[in-house]
Amino acid sequence: MGQGQSRSRNVLVVPQANQALDQLKYEVAQELGIQIPQDGYYGYMATRDTGAIGGHITRRLVQIAEQQLAGQAGFNR
C-alpha cells in the first residue's frame, strides 16, 4: 500500500463527496488540535486521536442530515 492510499473498502455513493469528506476531516482535526500527517500515513497516530476525529465527523454529518431533513419537512406542509 503506497503513501496516501486508503485501505478502506467503503464505496462512496457519491464519489464526488470524497473531497468534501477530506475537507471535513481536516476541519475537525484542526478544531480538536490534532495534526494530520502530511504523508497520509496514520499508523503513528494514537487510536484515541483518529477515533476522536471519526466520532466528530459522524456527529457533524448527522447534524447536517438532520438540518436538511428539517428543511425538507418544512416544504412539504
C-alpha atoms as a PDB file:
ATOM      1  CA  MET A   1       0.000   0.000   0.000  1.00  0.00           C
ATOM      2  CA  GLY A   2       1.585   3.268  -1.103  1.00  0.00           C
ATOM      3  CA  GLN A   3       1.615   6.528   0.751  1.00  0.00           C
ATOM      4  CA  GLY A   4      -1.636   8.416   0.823  1.00  0.00           C
ATOM      5  CA  GLN A   5      -3.687   5.418  -0.243  1.00  0.00           C
ATOM      6  CA  SER A   6      -6.612   4.284   1.821  1.00  0.00           C
ATOM      7  CA  ARG A   7      -7.169   0.679   2.822  1.00  0.00           C
ATOM      8  CA  SER A   8     -10.871   1.345   3.268  1.00  0.00           C
ATOM      9  CA  ARG A   9     -13.188  -0.814   1.228  1.00  0.00           C
ATOM     10  CA  ASN A  10     -16.092   1.567   1.669  1.00  0.00           C
ATOM     11  CA  VAL A  11     -17.520   2.775  -1.612  1.00  0.00           C
ATOM     12  CA  LEU A  12     -18.997   6.245  -1.603  1.00  0.00           C
ATOM     13  CA  VAL A  13     -22.494   6.510  -3.056  1.00  0.00           C
ATOM     14  CA  VAL A  14     -21.498   9.908  -4.444  1.00  0.00           C
ATOM     15  CA  PRO A  15     -17.811   9.705  -5.434  1.00  0.00           C
ATOM     16  CA  GLN A  16     -17.567  13.491  -5.650  1.00  0.00           C
ATOM     17  CA  ALA A  17     -18.206  13.604  -1.889  1.00  0.00           C
ATOM     18  CA  ASN A  18     -14.682  12.310  -1.250  1.00  0.00           C
ATOM     19  CA  GLN A  19     -13.159  15.798  -1.424  1.00  0.00           C
ATOM     20  CA  ALA A  20     -15.816  17.241   0.878  1.00  0.00           C
ATOM     21  CA  LEU A  21     -15.248  14.457   3.416  1.00  0.00           C
ATOM     22  CA  ASP A  22     -11.492  15.043   3.328  1.00  0.00           C
ATOM     23  CA  GLN A  23     -12.063  18.761   3.927  1.00  0.00           C
ATOM     24  CA  LEU A  24     -14.366  17.932   6.839  1.00  0.00           C
ATOM     25  CA  LYS A  25     -11.691  15.620   8.291  1.00  0.00           C
ATOM     26  CA  TYR A  26      -9.093  18.402   8.242  1.00  0.00           C
ATOM     27  CA  GLU A  27     -11.524  20.942   9.734  1.00  0.00           C
ATOM     28  CA  VAL A  28     -12.468  18.620  12.584  1.00  0.00           C
ATOM     29  CA  ALA A  29      -8.839  17.706  13.265  1.00  0.00           C
ATOM     30  CA  GLN A  30      -7.908  21.395  13.412  1.00  0.00           C
ATOM     31  CA  GLU A  31     -10.782  22.128  15.811  1.00  0.00           C
ATOM     32  CA  LEU A  32      -9.581  19.294  18.057  1.00  0.00           C
ATOM     33  CA  GLY A  33      -5.950  20.416  17.834  1.00  0.00           C
ATOM     34  CA  ILE A  34      -4.862  17.153  16.188  1.00  0.00           C
ATOM     35  CA  GLN A  35      -2.190  17.235  13.490  1.00  0.00           C
ATOM     36  CA  ILE A  36      -2.927  15.003  10.486  1.00  0.00           C
ATOM     37  CA  PRO A  37       0.242  13.511   8.954  1.00  0.00           C
ATOM     38  CA  GLN A  38       1.262  15.245   5.718  1.00  0.00           C
ATOM     39  CA  ASP A  39       2.308  11.947   4.124  1.00  0.00           C
ATOM     40  CA  GLY A  40      -1.149  10.432   4.653  1.00  0.00           C
ATOM     41  CA  TYR A  41       0.136   7.594   6.858  1.00  0.00           C
ATOM     42  CA  TYR A  42      -1.945   7.364  10.024  1.00  0.00           C
ATOM     43  CA  GLY A  43      -0.027   4.453  11.565  1.00  0.00           C
ATOM     44  CA  TYR A  44       1.849   6.665  14.018  1.00  0.00           C
ATOM     45  CA  MET A  45      -1.244   8.486  15.245  1.00  0.00           C
ATOM     46  CA  ALA A  46      -2.845   7.500  18.531  1.00  0.00           C
ATOM     47  CA  THR A  47      -6.013   5.466  18.141  1.00  0.00           C
ATOM     48  CA  ARG A  48      -7.695   7.895  20.512  1.00  0.00           C
ATOM     49  CA  ASP A  49      -6.962  10.791  18.140  1.00  0.00           C
ATOM     50  CA  THR A  50      -8.177   9.044  14.989  1.00  0.00           C
ATOM     51  CA  GLY A  51     -11.279   7.872  16.855  1.00  0.00           C
ATOM     52  CA  ALA A  52     -11.983  11.389  18.058  1.00  0.00           C
ATOM     53  CA  ILE A  53     -11.763  12.721  14.511  1.00  0.00           C
ATOM     54  CA  GLY A  54     -14.078   9.996  13.205  1.00  0.00           C
ATOM     55  CA  GLY A  55     -16.569  10.483  16.018  1.00  0.00           C
ATOM     56  CA  HIS A  56     -16.769  14.228  15.484  1.00  0.00           C
ATOM     57  CA  ILE A  57     -17.143  13.755  11.728  1.00  0.00           C
ATOM     58  CA  THR A  58     -20.048  11.376  12.344  1.00  0.00           C
ATOM     59  CA  ARG A  59     -21.717  13.839  14.712  1.00  0.00           C
ATOM     60  CA  ARG A  60     -21.296  16.644  12.183  1.00  0.00           C
ATOM     61  CA  LEU A  61     -22.719  14.528   9.319  1.00  0.00           C
ATOM     62  CA  VAL A  62     -25.738  13.544  11.421  1.00  0.00           C
ATOM     63  CA  GLN A  63     -26.284  17.193  12.319  1.00  0.00           C
ATOM     64  CA  ILE A  64     -26.129  18.216   8.651  1.00  0.00           C
ATOM     65  CA  ALA A  65     -28.583  15.458   7.682  1.00  0.00           C
ATOM     66  CA  GLU A  66     -30.995  16.446  10.456  1.00  0.00           C
ATOM     67  CA  GLN A  67     -30.906  20.068   9.321  1.00  0.00           C
ATOM     68  CA  GLN A  68     -31.571  19.072   5.721  1.00  0.00           C
ATOM     69  CA  LEU A  69     -34.437  16.786   6.726  1.00  0.00           C
ATOM     70  CA  ALA A  70     -35.946  19.504   8.906  1.00  0.00           C
ATOM     71  CA  GLY A  71     -35.736  21.911   5.971  1.00  0.00           C
ATOM     72  CA  GLN A  72     -37.390  19.425   3.622  1.00  0.00           C
ATOM     73  CA  ALA A  73     -40.159  18.751   6.125  1.00  0.00           C
ATOM     74  CA  GLY A  74     -40.989  22.463   6.103  1.00  0.00           C
ATOM     75  CA  PHE A  75     -41.536  22.417   2.333  1.00  0.00           C
ATOM     76  CA  ASN A  76     -43.988  19.519   2.473  1.00  0.00           C
ATOM     77  CA  ARG A  77     -46.506  21.328   4.652  1.00  0.00           C
END
